Amino acid sequence: MAKKTVLAIGIDPSFADFTTFPHLTPELIGQFIETQIEKLRSLGYEAESCLIDLGDTAEIVTTAALRSKRPDCVVIGAGLRQPAERLPLFEKIVNLVLIHTPYARICFNTTPADTAEAVQRWIKP
């Protein structure tokens, strides 16, 4: 049986604004993301991340990842849902998921450190 595939879509940490979270850095967030992708793989999933910018190429990159990976589950990162001014980008990404992978489960993490738990709520490896 083929492994269940997971695509984690989030803002590339280099585009994030950490002024309200001075203890975080792009490098630290990147490590959290990679750790969660590796955790998903160790749990038996085929997992990849799709890191996007704040809008210039976000739709193109997301669409390409959705088409090439054909995920069973799509995780949409917390950085896409907050701050409020990202709402239009968040809506675009959710709608791209619905258009290109209508069969996929959608889940949401609360931090870059709980992605695996979000996936496990919806699909088993």
PDB file of N, CA and C in Angstrom:
ATOM      1  N   MET A   1       0.847  -1.177   0.000  1.00  0.00           N
ATOM      2  CA  MET A   1       0.000   0.000   0.000  1.00  0.00           C
ATOM      3  C   MET A   1       0.894   1.243   0.000  1.00  0.00           C
ATOM      4  N   ALA A   2       0.514   2.216  -0.795  1.00  0.00           N
ATOM      5  CA  ALA A   2       1.283   3.457  -0.896  1.00  0.00           C
ATOM      6  C   ALA A   2       1.166   4.271   0.384  1.00  0.00           C
ATOM      7  N   LYS A   3       2.229   4.969   0.696  1.00  0.00           N
ATOM      8  CA  LYS A   3       2.218   5.836   1.868  1.00  0.00           C
ATOM      9  C   LYS A   3       1.269   7.001   1.636  1.00  0.00           C
ATOM     10  N   LYS A   4       0.639   7.456   2.701  1.00  0.00           N
ATOM     11  CA  LYS A   4      -0.181   8.659   2.638  1.00  0.00           C
ATOM     12  C   LYS A   4       0.754   9.858   2.488  1.00  0.00           C
ATOM     13  N   THR A   5       0.367  10.782   1.627  1.00  0.00           N
ATOM     14  CA  THR A   5       1.215  11.941   1.367  1.00  0.00           C
ATOM     15  C   THR A   5       0.686  13.173   2.085  1.00  0.00           C
ATOM     16  N   VAL A   6       1.624  13.967   2.571  1.00  0.00           N
ATOM     17  CA  VAL A   6       1.305  15.181   3.302  1.00  0.00           C
ATOM     18  C   VAL A   6       2.092  16.332   2.694  1.00  0.00           C
ATOM     19  N   LEU A   7       1.408  17.431   2.466  1.00  0.00           N
ATOM     20  CA  LEU A   7       2.054  18.659   2.020  1.00  0.00           C
ATOM     21  C   LEU A   7       1.782  19.725   3.071  1.00  0.00           C
ATOM     22  N   ALA A   8       2.841  20.276   3.631  1.00  0.00           N
ATOM     23  CA  ALA A   8       2.714  21.327   4.639  1.00  0.00           C
ATOM     24  C   ALA A   8       3.022  22.670   3.976  1.00  0.00           C
ATOM     25  N   ILE A   9       2.010  23.531   3.899  1.00  0.00           N
ATOM     26  CA  ILE A   9       2.165  24.832   3.258  1.00  0.00           C
ATOM     27  C   ILE A   9       2.304  25.898   4.334  1.00  0.00           C
ATOM     28  N   GLY A  10       3.326  26.715   4.208  1.00  0.00           N
ATOM     29  CA  GLY A  10       3.531  27.777   5.182  1.00  0.00           C
ATOM     30  C   GLY A  10       4.354  28.917   4.605  1.00  0.00           C
ATOM     31  N   ILE A  11       4.399  29.981   5.352  1.00  0.00           N
ATOM     32  CA  ILE A  11       5.203  31.137   4.966  1.00  0.00           C
ATOM     33  C   ILE A  11       6.680  30.790   5.161  1.00  0.00           C
ATOM     34  N   ASP A  12       7.478  31.067   4.163  1.00  0.00           N
ATOM     35  CA  ASP A  12       8.917  30.894   4.302  1.00  0.00           C
ATOM     36  C   ASP A  12       9.372  31.771   5.466  1.00  0.00           C
ATOM     37  N   PRO A  13      10.099  31.188   6.423  1.00  0.00           N
ATOM     38  CA  PRO A  13      10.492  31.967   7.595  1.00  0.00           C
ATOM     39  C   PRO A  13      11.259  33.251   7.277  1.00  0.00           C
ATOM     40  N   SER A  14      11.901  33.301   6.130  1.00  0.00           N
ATOM     41  CA  SER A  14      12.638  34.523   5.783  1.00  0.00           C
ATOM     42  C   SER A  14      11.704  35.693   5.504  1.00  0.00           C
ATOM     43  N   PHE A  15      10.408  35.438   5.299  1.00  0.00           N
ATOM     44  CA  PHE A  15       9.426  36.494   5.051  1.00  0.00           C
ATOM     45  C   PHE A  15       8.623  36.844   6.302  1.00  0.00           C
ATOM     46  N   ALA A  16       8.826  36.108   7.374  1.00  0.00           N
ATOM     47  CA  ALA A  16       8.032  36.322   8.588  1.00  0.00           C
ATOM     48  C   ALA A  16       8.517  37.557   9.356  1.00  0.00           C
ATOM     49  N   ASP A  17       7.589  38.180  10.045  1.00  0.00           N
ATOM     50  CA  ASP A  17       7.877  39.334  10.895  1.00  0.00           C
ATOM     51  C   ASP A  17       7.925  38.837  12.340  1.00  0.00           C
ATOM     52  N   PHE A  18       9.099  38.882  12.934  1.00  0.00           N
ATOM     53  CA  PHE A  18       9.287  38.368  14.285  1.00  0.00           C
ATOM     54  C   PHE A  18       9.324  39.466  15.343  1.00  0.00           C
ATOM     55  N   THR A  19       8.872  40.668  15.001  1.00  0.00           N
ATOM     56  CA  THR A  19       8.952  41.763  15.974  1.00  0.00           C
ATOM     57  C   THR A  19       8.133  41.480  17.225  1.00  0.00           C
ATOM     58  N   THR A  20       7.021  40.786  17.103  1.00  0.00           N
ATOM     59  CA  THR A  20       6.221  40.466  18.288  1.00  0.00           C
ATOM     60  C   THR A  20       6.697  39.178  18.978  1.00  0.00           C
ATOM     61  N   PHE A  21       7.617  38.468  18.336  1.00  0.00           N
ATOM     62  CA  PHE A  21       8.198  37.248  18.900  1.00  0.00           C
ATOM     63  C   PHE A  21       9.718  37.327  18.806  1.00  0.00           C
ATOM     64  N   PRO A  22      10.349  38.217  19.567  1.00  0.00           N
ATOM     65  CA  PRO A  22      11.797  38.428  19.407  1.00  0.00           C
ATOM     66  C   PRO A  22      12.648  37.199  19.737  1.00  0.00           C
ATOM     67  N   HIS A  23      12.097  36.231  20.433  1.00  0.00           N
ATOM     68  CA  HIS A  23      12.848  35.018  20.757  1.00  0.00           C
ATOM     69  C   HIS A  23      12.905  34.038  19.579  1.00  0.00           C
ATOM     70  N   LEU A  24      12.131  34.308  18.532  1.00  0.00           N
ATOM     71  CA  LEU A  24      12.126  33.440  17.356  1.00  0.00           C
ATOM     72  C   LEU A  24      12.985  34.045  16.251  1.00  0.00           C
ATOM     73  N   THR A  25      13.547  33.177  15.436  1.00  0.00           N
ATOM     74  CA  THR A  25      14.342  33.594  14.278  1.00  0.00           C
ATOM     75  C   THR A  25      13.914  32.757  13.082  1.00  0.00           C
ATOM     76  N   PRO A  26      14.200  33.218  11.880  1.00  0.00           N
ATOM     77  CA  PRO A  26      13.893  32.394  10.709  1.00  0.00           C
ATOM     78  C   PRO A  26      14.569  31.019  10.776  1.00  0.00           C
ATOM     79  N   GLU A  27      15.782  30.977  11.303  1.00  0.00           N
ATOM     80  CA  GLU A  27      16.503  29.711  11.398  1.00  0.00           C
ATOM     81  C   GLU A  27      15.807  28.748  12.369  1.00  0.00           C
ATOM     82  N   LEU A  28      15.367  29.270  13.492  1.00  0.00           N
ATOM     83  CA  LEU A  28      14.688  28.436  14.478  1.00  0.00           C
ATOM     84  C   LEU A  28      13.372  27.889  13.921  1.00  0.00           C
ATOM     85  N   ILE A  29      12.595  28.739  13.281  1.00  0.00           N
ATOM     86  CA  ILE A  29      11.329  28.283  12.682  1.00  0.00           C
ATOM     87  C   ILE A  29      11.609  27.259  11.591  1.00  0.00           C
ATOM     88  N   GLY A  30      12.632  27.502  10.782  1.00  0.00           N
ATOM     89  CA  GLY A  30      13.006  26.533   9.749  1.00  0.00           C
ATOM     90  C   GLY A  30      13.355  25.182  10.348  1.00  0.00           C
ATOM     91  N   GLN A  31      14.036  25.177  11.480  1.00  0.00           N
ATOM     92  CA  GLN A  31      14.372  23.925  12.156  1.00  0.00           C
ATOM     93  C   GLN A  31      13.110  23.215  12.661  1.00  0.00           C
ATOM     94  N   PHE A  32      12.165  23.973  13.220  1.00  0.00           N
ATOM     95  CA  PHE A  32      10.902  23.381  13.663  1.00  0.00           C
ATOM     96  C   PHE A  32      10.182  22.722  12.485  1.00  0.00           C
ATOM     97  N   ILE A  33      10.127  23.423  11.364  1.00  0.00           N
ATOM     98  CA  ILE A  33       9.440  22.893  10.181  1.00  0.00           C
ATOM     99  C   ILE A  33      10.102  21.592   9.732  1.00  0.00           C
ATOM    100  N   GLU A  34      11.417  21.606   9.586  1.00  0.00           N
ATOM    101  CA  GLU A  34      12.119  20.415   9.113  1.00  0.00           C
ATOM    102  C   GLU A  34      11.987  19.261  10.103  1.00  0.00           C
ATOM    103  N   THR A  35      12.015  19.558  11.388  1.00  0.00           N
ATOM    104  CA  THR A  35      11.841  18.514  12.402  1.00  0.00           C
ATOM    105  C   THR A  35      10.474  17.856  12.270  1.00  0.00           C
ATOM    106  N   GLN A  36       9.446  18.642  12.026  1.00  0.00           N
ATOM    107  CA  GLN A  36       8.102  18.081  11.889  1.00  0.00           C
ATOM    108  C   GLN A  36       7.965  17.255  10.606  1.00  0.00           C
ATOM    109  N   ILE A  37       8.587  17.704   9.525  1.00  0.00           N
ATOM    110  CA  ILE A  37       8.557  16.921   8.281  1.00  0.00           C
ATOM    111  C   ILE A  37       9.258  15.581   8.512  1.00  0.00           C
ATOM    112  N   GLU A  38      10.393  15.606   9.175  1.00  0.00           N
ATOM    113  CA  GLU A  38      11.103  14.364   9.488  1.00  0.00           C
ATOM    114  C   GLU A  38      10.279  13.479  10.424  1.00  0.00           C
ATOM    115  N   LYS A  39       9.588  14.076  11.385  1.00  0.00           N
ATOM    116  CA  LYS A  39       8.741  13.292  12.290  1.00  0.00           C
ATOM    117  C   LYS A  39       7.632  12.600  11.507  1.00  0.00           C
ATOM    118  N   LEU A  40       7.004  13.330  10.591  1.00  0.00           N
ATOM    119  CA  LEU A  40       5.960  12.722   9.755  1.00  0.00           C
ATOM    120  C   LEU A  40       6.523  11.554   8.956  1.00  0.00           C
ATOM    121  N   ARG A  41       7.697  11.731   8.397  1.00  0.00           N
ATOM    122  CA  ARG A  41       8.320  10.640   7.633  1.00  0.00           C
ATOM    123  C   ARG A  41       8.586   9.435   8.525  1.00  0.00           C
ATOM    124  N   SER A  42       9.066   9.690   9.742  1.00  0.00           N
ATOM    125  CA  SER A  42       9.353   8.573  10.647  1.00  0.00           C
ATOM    126  C   SER A  42       8.074   7.858  11.085  1.00  0.00           C
ATOM    127  N   LEU A  43       6.939   8.557  11.017  1.00  0.00           N
ATOM    128  CA  LEU A  43       5.653   7.955  11.362  1.00  0.00           C
ATOM    129  C   LEU A  43       5.035   7.193  10.188  1.00  0.00           C
ATOM    130  N   GLY A  44       5.684   7.246   9.022  1.00  0.00           N
ATOM    131  CA  GLY A  44       5.211   6.480   7.875  1.00  0.00           C
ATOM    132  C   GLY A  44       4.540   7.278   6.776  1.00  0.00           C
ATOM    133  N   TYR A  45       4.576   8.591   6.860  1.00  0.00           N
ATOM    134  CA  TYR A  45       4.000   9.434   5.819  1.00  0.00           C
ATOM    135  C   TYR A  45       5.075   9.820   4.810  1.00  0.00           C
ATOM    136  N   GLU A  46       4.647  10.126   3.600  1.00  0.00           N
ATOM    137  CA  GLU A  46       5.516  10.781   2.637  1.00  0.00           C
ATOM    138  C   GLU A  46       5.210  12.269   2.793  1.00  0.00           C
ATOM    139  N   ALA A  47       6.149  13.034   3.325  1.00  0.00           N
ATOM    140  CA  ALA A  47       5.875  14.423   3.689  1.00  0.00           C
ATOM    141  C   ALA A  47       6.855  15.389   3.047  1.00  0.00           C
ATOM    142  N   GLU A  48       6.311  16.525   2.642  1.00  0.00           N
ATOM    143  CA  GLU A  48       7.105  17.616   2.056  1.00  0.00           C
ATOM    144  C   GLU A  48       6.557  18.940   2.556  1.00  0.00           C
ATOM    145  N   SER A  49       7.425  19.941   2.563  1.00  0.00           N
ATOM    146  CA  SER A  49       6.941  21.277   2.893  1.00  0.00           C
ATOM    147  C   SER A  49       6.939  22.129   1.637  1.00  0.00           C
ATOM    148  N   CYS A  50       6.063  23.088   1.627  1.00  0.00           N
ATOM    149  CA  CYS A  50       5.937  24.057   0.547  1.00  0.00           C
ATOM    150  C   CYS A  50       5.958  25.428   1.216  1.00  0.00           C
ATOM    151  N   LEU A  51       7.111  26.075   1.152  1.00  0.00           N
ATOM    152  CA  LEU A  51       7.259  27.378   1.790  1.00  0.00           C
ATOM    153  C   LEU A  51       7.060  28.464   0.743  1.00  0.00           C
ATOM    154  N   ILE A  52       6.194  29.412   1.081  1.00  0.00           N
ATOM    155  CA  ILE A  52       5.802  30.433   0.107  1.00  0.00           C
ATOM    156  C   ILE A  52       6.167  31.829   0.617  1.00  0.00           C
ATOM    157  N   ASP A  53       6.159  32.771  -0.329  1.00  0.00           N
ATOM    158  CA  ASP A  53       6.375  34.166   0.044  1.00  0.00           C
ATOM    159  C   ASP A  53       5.041  34.783   0.431  1.00  0.00           C
ATOM    160  N   LEU A  54       5.015  36.075   0.577  1.00  0.00           N
ATOM    161  CA  LEU A  54       3.799  36.745   1.043  1.00  0.00           C
ATOM    162  C   LEU A  54       2.840  37.130  -0.077  1.00  0.00           C
ATOM    163  N   GLY A  55       3.052  36.628  -1.276  1.00  0.00           N
ATOM    164  CA  GLY A  55       2.074  36.870  -2.319  1.00  0.00           C
ATOM    165  C   GLY A  55       2.597  36.934  -3.729  1.00  0.00           C
ATOM    166  N   ASP A  56       3.851  37.331  -3.958  1.00  0.00           N
ATOM    167  CA  ASP A  56       4.344  37.488  -5.322  1.00  0.00           C
ATOM    168  C   ASP A  56       4.279  36.190  -6.115  1.00  0.00           C
ATOM    169  N   THR A  57       4.748  35.104  -5.534  1.00  0.00           N
ATOM    170  CA  THR A  57       4.740  33.808  -6.227  1.00  0.00           C
ATOM    171  C   THR A  57       3.989  32.738  -5.439  1.00  0.00           C
ATOM    172  N   ALA A  58       3.328  33.117  -4.367  1.00  0.00           N
ATOM    173  CA  ALA A  58       2.682  32.146  -3.476  1.00  0.00           C
ATOM    174  C   ALA A  58       1.703  31.236  -4.205  1.00  0.00           C
ATOM    175  N   GLU A  59       0.874  31.790  -5.068  1.00  0.00           N
ATOM    176  CA  GLU A  59      -0.118  30.975  -5.770  1.00  0.00           C
ATOM    177  C   GLU A  59       0.534  30.010  -6.755  1.00  0.00           C
ATOM    178  N   ILE A  60       1.525  30.476  -7.478  1.00  0.00           N
ATOM    179  CA  ILE A  60       2.209  29.628  -8.460  1.00  0.00           C
ATOM    180  C   ILE A  60       2.931  28.480  -7.766  1.00  0.00           C
ATOM    181  N   VAL A  61       3.652  28.794  -6.685  1.00  0.00           N
ATOM    182  CA  VAL A  61       4.406  27.775  -5.955  1.00  0.00           C
ATOM    183  C   VAL A  61       3.456  26.762  -5.320  1.00  0.00           C
ATOM    184  N   THR A  62       2.374  27.259  -4.723  1.00  0.00           N
ATOM    185  CA  THR A  62       1.398  26.359  -4.091  1.00  0.00           C
ATOM    186  C   THR A  62       0.744  25.446  -5.112  1.00  0.00           C
ATOM    187  N   THR A  63       0.307  26.009  -6.230  1.00  0.00           N
ATOM    188  CA  THR A  63      -0.332  25.216  -7.276  1.00  0.00           C
ATOM    189  C   THR A  63       0.604  24.136  -7.801  1.00  0.00           C
ATOM    190  N   ALA A  64       1.850  24.492  -8.039  1.00  0.00           N
ATOM    191  CA  ALA A  64       2.822  23.509  -8.532  1.00  0.00           C
ATOM    192  C   ALA A  64       3.014  22.381  -7.524  1.00  0.00           C
ATOM    193  N   ALA A  65       3.108  22.720  -6.254  1.00  0.00           N
ATOM    194  CA  ALA A  65       3.292  21.680  -5.221  1.00  0.00           C
ATOM    195  C   ALA A  65       2.071  20.781  -5.119  1.00  0.00           C
ATOM    196  N   LEU A  66       0.889  21.364  -5.156  1.00  0.00           N
ATOM    197  CA  LEU A  66      -0.341  20.565  -5.070  1.00  0.00           C
ATOM    198  C   LEU A  66      -0.466  19.614  -6.253  1.00  0.00           C
ATOM    199  N   ARG A  67      -0.124  20.088  -7.428  1.00  0.00           N
ATOM    200  CA  ARG A  67      -0.225  19.248  -8.625  1.00  0.00           C
ATOM    201  C   ARG A  67       0.823  18.140  -8.647  1.00  0.00           C
ATOM    202  N   SER A  68       2.016  18.434  -8.165  1.00  0.00           N
ATOM    203  CA  SER A  68       3.079  17.435  -8.250  1.00  0.00           C
ATOM    204  C   SER A  68       3.012  16.415  -7.119  1.00  0.00           C
ATOM    205  N   LYS A  69       2.523  16.790  -5.973  1.00  0.00           N
ATOM    206  CA  LYS A  69       2.514  15.891  -4.817  1.00  0.00           C
ATOM    207  C   LYS A  69       1.221  15.103  -4.675  1.00  0.00           C
ATOM    208  N   ARG A  70       0.118  15.626  -5.165  1.00  0.00           N
ATOM    209  CA  ARG A  70      -1.184  14.960  -5.018  1.00  0.00           C
ATOM    210  C   ARG A  70      -1.404  14.507  -3.575  1.00  0.00           C
ATOM    211  N   PRO A  71      -1.361  15.442  -2.618  1.00  0.00           N
ATOM    212  CA  PRO A  71      -1.389  15.057  -1.205  1.00  0.00           C
ATOM    213  C   PRO A  71      -2.733  14.502  -0.735  1.00  0.00           C
ATOM    214  N   ASP A  72      -2.640  13.595   0.226  1.00  0.00           N
ATOM    215  CA  ASP A  72      -3.822  13.091   0.918  1.00  0.00           C
ATOM    216  C   ASP A  72      -4.257  14.059   2.012  1.00  0.00           C
ATOM    217  N   CYS A  73      -3.291  14.826   2.509  1.00  0.00           N
ATOM    218  CA  CYS A  73      -3.564  15.790   3.570  1.00  0.00           C
ATOM    219  C   CYS A  73      -2.712  17.030   3.336  1.00  0.00           C
ATOM    220  N   VAL A  74      -3.307  18.194   3.531  1.00  0.00           N
ATOM    221  CA  VAL A  74      -2.596  19.464   3.412  1.00  0.00           C
ATOM    222  C   VAL A  74      -2.669  20.172   4.750  1.00  0.00           C
ATOM    223  N   VAL A  75      -1.493  20.488   5.287  1.00  0.00           N
ATOM    224  CA  VAL A  75      -1.407  21.257   6.527  1.00  0.00           C
ATOM    225  C   VAL A  75      -1.185  22.709   6.128  1.00  0.00           C
ATOM    226  N   ILE A  76      -1.998  23.591   6.672  1.00  0.00           N
ATOM    227  CA  ILE A  76      -1.820  25.020   6.418  1.00  0.00           C
ATOM    228  C   ILE A  76      -1.307  25.641   7.710  1.00  0.00           C
ATOM    229  N   GLY A  77      -0.120  26.215   7.618  1.00  0.00           N
ATOM    230  CA  GLY A  77       0.577  26.713   8.786  1.00  0.00           C
ATOM    231  C   GLY A  77      -0.062  27.934   9.436  1.00  0.00           C
ATOM    232  N   ALA A  78       0.202  28.051  10.716  1.00  0.00           N
ATOM    233  CA  ALA A  78      -0.344  29.148  11.511  1.00  0.00           C
ATOM    234  C   ALA A  78       0.101  30.510  10.986  1.00  0.00           C
ATOM    235  N   GLY A  79       1.281  30.588  10.404  1.00  0.00           N
ATOM    236  CA  GLY A  79       1.774  31.853   9.869  1.00  0.00           C
ATOM    237  C   GLY A  79       0.963  32.380   8.701  1.00  0.00           C
ATOM    238  N   LEU A  80       0.193  31.514   8.060  1.00  0.00           N
ATOM    239  CA  LEU A  80      -0.703  31.955   6.990  1.00  0.00           C
ATOM    240  C   LEU A  80      -2.014  32.504   7.534  1.00  0.00           C
ATOM    241  N   ARG A  81      -2.341  32.138   8.741  1.00  0.00           N
ATOM    242  CA  ARG A  81      -3.619  32.562   9.316  1.00  0.00           C
ATOM    243  C   ARG A  81      -3.494  33.820  10.161  1.00  0.00           C
ATOM    244  N   GLN A  82      -2.306  34.149  10.567  1.00  0.00           N
ATOM    245  CA  GLN A  82      -2.064  35.332  11.390  1.00  0.00           C
ATOM    246  C   GLN A  82      -0.812  36.024  10.879  1.00  0.00           C
ATOM    247  N   PRO A  83      -0.727  37.306  10.914  1.00  0.00           N
ATOM    248  CA  PRO A  83      -1.680  38.298  11.394  1.00  0.00           C
ATOM    249  C   PRO A  83      -2.852  38.483  10.434  1.00  0.00           C
ATOM    250  N   ALA A  84      -3.817  39.227  10.860  1.00  0.00           N
ATOM    251  CA  ALA A  84      -5.078  39.386  10.130  1.00  0.00           C
ATOM    252  C   ALA A  84      -4.889  39.888   8.705  1.00  0.00           C
ATOM    253  N   GLU A  85      -3.882  40.682   8.448  1.00  0.00           N
ATOM    254  CA  GLU A  85      -3.695  41.192   7.085  1.00  0.00           C
ATOM    255  C   GLU A  85      -3.312  40.100   6.095  1.00  0.00           C
ATOM    256  N   ARG A  86      -3.018  38.897   6.575  1.00  0.00           N
ATOM    257  CA  ARG A  86      -2.735  37.774   5.670  1.00  0.00           C
ATOM    258  C   ARG A  86      -3.991  37.019   5.262  1.00  0.00           C
ATOM    259  N   LEU A  87      -5.148  37.441   5.736  1.00  0.00           N
ATOM    260  CA  LEU A  87      -6.394  36.742   5.422  1.00  0.00           C
ATOM    261  C   LEU A  87      -6.589  36.528   3.915  1.00  0.00           C
ATOM    262  N   PRO A  88      -6.387  37.529   3.044  1.00  0.00           N
ATOM    263  CA  PRO A  88      -6.575  37.271   1.603  1.00  0.00           C
ATOM    264  C   PRO A  88      -5.645  36.179   1.069  1.00  0.00           C
ATOM    265  N   LEU A  89      -4.395  36.151   1.521  1.00  0.00           N
ATOM    266  CA  LEU A  89      -3.474  35.109   1.084  1.00  0.00           C
ATOM    267  C   LEU A  89      -3.925  33.749   1.615  1.00  0.00           C
ATOM    268  N   PHE A  90      -4.333  33.697   2.868  1.00  0.00           N
ATOM    269  CA  PHE A  90      -4.846  32.460   3.458  1.00  0.00           C
ATOM    270  C   PHE A  90      -6.028  31.931   2.642  1.00  0.00           C
ATOM    271  N   GLU A  91      -6.961  32.804   2.301  1.00  0.00           N
ATOM    272  CA  GLU A  91      -8.127  32.386   1.503  1.00  0.00           C
ATOM    273  C   GLU A  91      -7.697  31.846   0.145  1.00  0.00           C
ATOM    274  N   LYS A  92      -6.731  32.499  -0.499  1.00  0.00           N
ATOM    275  CA  LYS A  92      -6.247  32.025  -1.796  1.00  0.00           C
ATOM    276  C   LYS A  92      -5.676  30.614  -1.671  1.00  0.00           C
ATOM    277  N   ILE A  93      -4.877  30.388  -0.634  1.00  0.00           N
ATOM    278  CA  ILE A  93      -4.239  29.086  -0.465  1.00  0.00           C
ATOM    279  C   ILE A  93      -5.286  28.007  -0.190  1.00  0.00           C
ATOM    280  N   VAL A  94      -6.240  28.286   0.691  1.00  0.00           N
ATOM    281  CA  VAL A  94      -7.305  27.312   0.974  1.00  0.00           C
ATOM    282  C   VAL A  94      -8.070  26.990  -0.310  1.00  0.00           C
ATOM    283  N   ASN A  95      -8.396  27.989  -1.085  1.00  0.00           N
ATOM    284  CA  ASN A  95      -9.139  27.744  -2.320  1.00  0.00           C
ATOM    285  C   ASN A  95      -8.308  26.989  -3.349  1.00  0.00           C
ATOM    286  N   LEU A  96      -7.011  27.230  -3.410  1.00  0.00           N
ATOM    287  CA  LEU A  96      -6.159  26.444  -4.300  1.00  0.00           C
ATOM    288  C   LEU A  96      -6.150  24.971  -3.890  1.00  0.00           C
ATOM    289  N   VAL A  97      -6.111  24.719  -2.590  1.00  0.00           N
ATOM    290  CA  VAL A  97      -6.170  23.335  -2.104  1.00  0.00           C
ATOM    291  C   VAL A  97      -7.482  22.694  -2.533  1.00  0.00           C
ATOM    292  N   LEU A  98      -8.579  23.405  -2.350  1.00  0.00           N
ATOM    293  CA  LEU A  98      -9.892  22.859  -2.725  1.00  0.00           C
ATOM    294  C   LEU A  98     -10.010  22.620  -4.230  1.00  0.00           C
ATOM    295  N   ILE A  99      -9.441  23.492  -5.027  1.00  0.00           N
ATOM    296  CA  ILE A  99      -9.507  23.355  -6.486  1.00  0.00           C
ATOM    297  C   ILE A  99      -8.643  22.199  -6.979  1.00  0.00           C
ATOM    298  N   HIS A 100      -7.401  22.129  -6.500  1.00  0.00           N
ATOM    299  CA  HIS A 100      -6.437  21.176  -7.053  1.00  0.00           C
ATOM    300  C   HIS A 100      -6.401  19.824  -6.346  1.00  0.00           C
ATOM    301  N   THR A 101      -6.884  19.761  -5.118  1.00  0.00           N
ATOM    302  CA  THR A 101      -6.885  18.491  -4.386  1.00  0.00           C
ATOM    303  C   THR A 101      -8.168  18.388  -3.568  1.00  0.00           C
ATOM    304  N   PRO A 102      -9.313  18.338  -4.238  1.00  0.00           N
ATOM    305  CA  PRO A 102     -10.582  18.337  -3.511  1.00  0.00           C
ATOM    306  C   PRO A 102     -10.774  17.115  -2.609  1.00  0.00           C
ATOM    307  N   TYR A 103     -10.015  16.068  -2.819  1.00  0.00           N
ATOM    308  CA  TYR A 103     -10.110  14.846  -2.027  1.00  0.00           C
ATOM    309  C   TYR A 103      -9.254  14.915  -0.762  1.00  0.00           C
ATOM    310  N   ALA A 104      -8.356  15.883  -0.684  1.00  0.00           N
ATOM    311  CA  ALA A 104      -7.410  15.947   0.434  1.00  0.00           C
ATOM    312  C   ALA A 104      -8.071  16.457   1.708  1.00  0.00           C
ATOM    313  N   ARG A 105      -7.609  15.954   2.808  1.00  0.00           N
ATOM    314  CA  ARG A 105      -8.012  16.479   4.104  1.00  0.00           C
ATOM    315  C   ARG A 105      -7.193  17.732   4.357  1.00  0.00           C
ATOM    316  N   ILE A 106      -7.793  18.710   4.996  1.00  0.00           N
ATOM    317  CA  ILE A 106      -7.101  19.945   5.343  1.00  0.00           C
ATOM    318  C   ILE A 106      -7.005  20.004   6.857  1.00  0.00           C
ATOM    319  N   CYS A 107      -5.828  20.333   7.342  1.00  0.00           N
ATOM    320  CA  CYS A 107      -5.669  20.496   8.784  1.00  0.00           C
ATOM    321  C   CYS A 107      -4.808  21.722   9.059  1.00  0.00           C
ATOM    322  N   PHE A 108      -4.808  22.127  10.309  1.00  0.00           N
ATOM    323  CA  PHE A 108      -4.112  23.342  10.708  1.00  0.00           C
ATOM    324  C   PHE A 108      -3.273  23.051  11.939  1.00  0.00           C
ATOM    325  N   ASN A 109      -2.032  23.505  11.900  1.00  0.00           N
ATOM    326  CA  ASN A 109      -1.218  23.424  13.102  1.00  0.00           C
ATOM    327  C   ASN A 109      -1.380  24.724  13.885  1.00  0.00           C
ATOM    328  N   THR A 110      -0.972  24.705  15.136  1.00  0.00           N
ATOM    329  CA  THR A 110      -1.033  25.936  15.933  1.00  0.00           C
ATOM    330  C   THR A 110       0.340  26.577  16.056  1.00  0.00           C
ATOM    331  N   THR A 111       1.387  25.768  15.875  1.00  0.00           N
ATOM    332  CA  THR A 111       2.767  26.238  15.848  1.00  0.00           C
ATOM    333  C   THR A 111       3.522  25.340  14.883  1.00  0.00           C
ATOM    334  N   PRO A 112       4.735  25.719  14.495  1.00  0.00           N
ATOM    335  CA  PRO A 112       5.519  24.834  13.634  1.00  0.00           C
ATOM    336  C   PRO A 112       5.899  23.525  14.326  1.00  0.00           C
ATOM    337  N   ALA A 113       5.648  23.423  15.616  1.00  0.00           N
ATOM    338  CA  ALA A 113       6.049  22.235  16.370  1.00  0.00           C
ATOM    339  C   ALA A 113       4.951  21.201  16.543  1.00  0.00           C
ATOM    340  N   ASP A 114       3.729  21.457  16.056  1.00  0.00           N
ATOM    341  CA  ASP A 114       2.662  20.457  16.230  1.00  0.00           C
ATOM    342  C   ASP A 114       2.019  20.026  14.911  1.00  0.00           C
ATOM    343  N   THR A 115       2.790  20.084  13.849  1.00  0.00           N
ATOM    344  CA  THR A 115       2.296  19.693  12.531  1.00  0.00           C
ATOM    345  C   THR A 115       1.919  18.216  12.474  1.00  0.00           C
ATOM    346  N   ALA A 116       2.757  17.359  13.016  1.00  0.00           N
ATOM    347  CA  ALA A 116       2.470  15.913  12.975  1.00  0.00           C
ATOM    348  C   ALA A 116       1.157  15.595  13.681  1.00  0.00           C
ATOM    349  N   GLU A 117       0.913  16.227  14.803  1.00  0.00           N
ATOM    350  CA  GLU A 117      -0.333  15.993  15.534  1.00  0.00           C
ATOM    351  C   GLU A 117      -1.542  16.438  14.719  1.00  0.00           C
ATOM    352  N   ALA A 118      -1.408  17.552  14.008  1.00  0.00           N
ATOM    353  CA  ALA A 118      -2.506  18.024  13.168  1.00  0.00           C
ATOM    354  C   ALA A 118      -2.822  17.011  12.069  1.00  0.00           C
ATOM    355  N   VAL A 119      -1.801  16.481  11.429  1.00  0.00           N
ATOM    356  CA  VAL A 119      -1.985  15.477  10.369  1.00  0.00           C
ATOM    357  C   VAL A 119      -2.641  14.228  10.930  1.00  0.00           C
ATOM    358  N   GLN A 120      -2.173  13.758  12.065  1.00  0.00           N
ATOM    359  CA  GLN A 120      -2.686  12.518  12.630  1.00  0.00           C
ATOM    360  C   GLN A 120      -4.147  12.613  13.035  1.00  0.00           C
ATOM    361  N   ARG A 121      -4.661  13.817  13.207  1.00  0.00           N
ATOM    362  CA  ARG A 121      -6.094  13.960  13.486  1.00  0.00           C
ATOM    363  C   ARG A 121      -6.936  13.553  12.279  1.00  0.00           C
ATOM    364  N   TRP A 122      -6.356  13.592  11.073  1.00  0.00           N
ATOM    365  CA  TRP A 122      -7.145  13.391   9.851  1.00  0.00           C
ATOM    366  C   TRP A 122      -6.788  12.181   9.020  1.00  0.00           C
ATOM    367  N   ILE A 123      -5.524  11.787   9.006  1.00  0.00           N
ATOM    368  CA  ILE A 123      -5.164  10.597   8.219  1.00  0.00           C
ATOM    369  C   ILE A 123      -4.163   9.753   8.988  1.00  0.00           C
ATOM    370  N   LYS A 124      -4.203   8.481   8.730  1.00  0.00           N
ATOM    371  CA  LYS A 124      -3.248   7.534   9.297  1.00  0.00           C
ATOM    372  C   LYS A 124      -2.264   7.168   8.197  1.00  0.00           C
ATOM    373  N   PRO A 125      -1.003   6.870   8.584  1.00  0.00           N
ATOM    374  CA  PRO A 125       0.002   6.545   7.541  1.00  0.00           C
ATOM    375  C   PRO A 125      -0.348   5.284   6.766  1.00  0.00           C
TER     376      PRO A 125
END
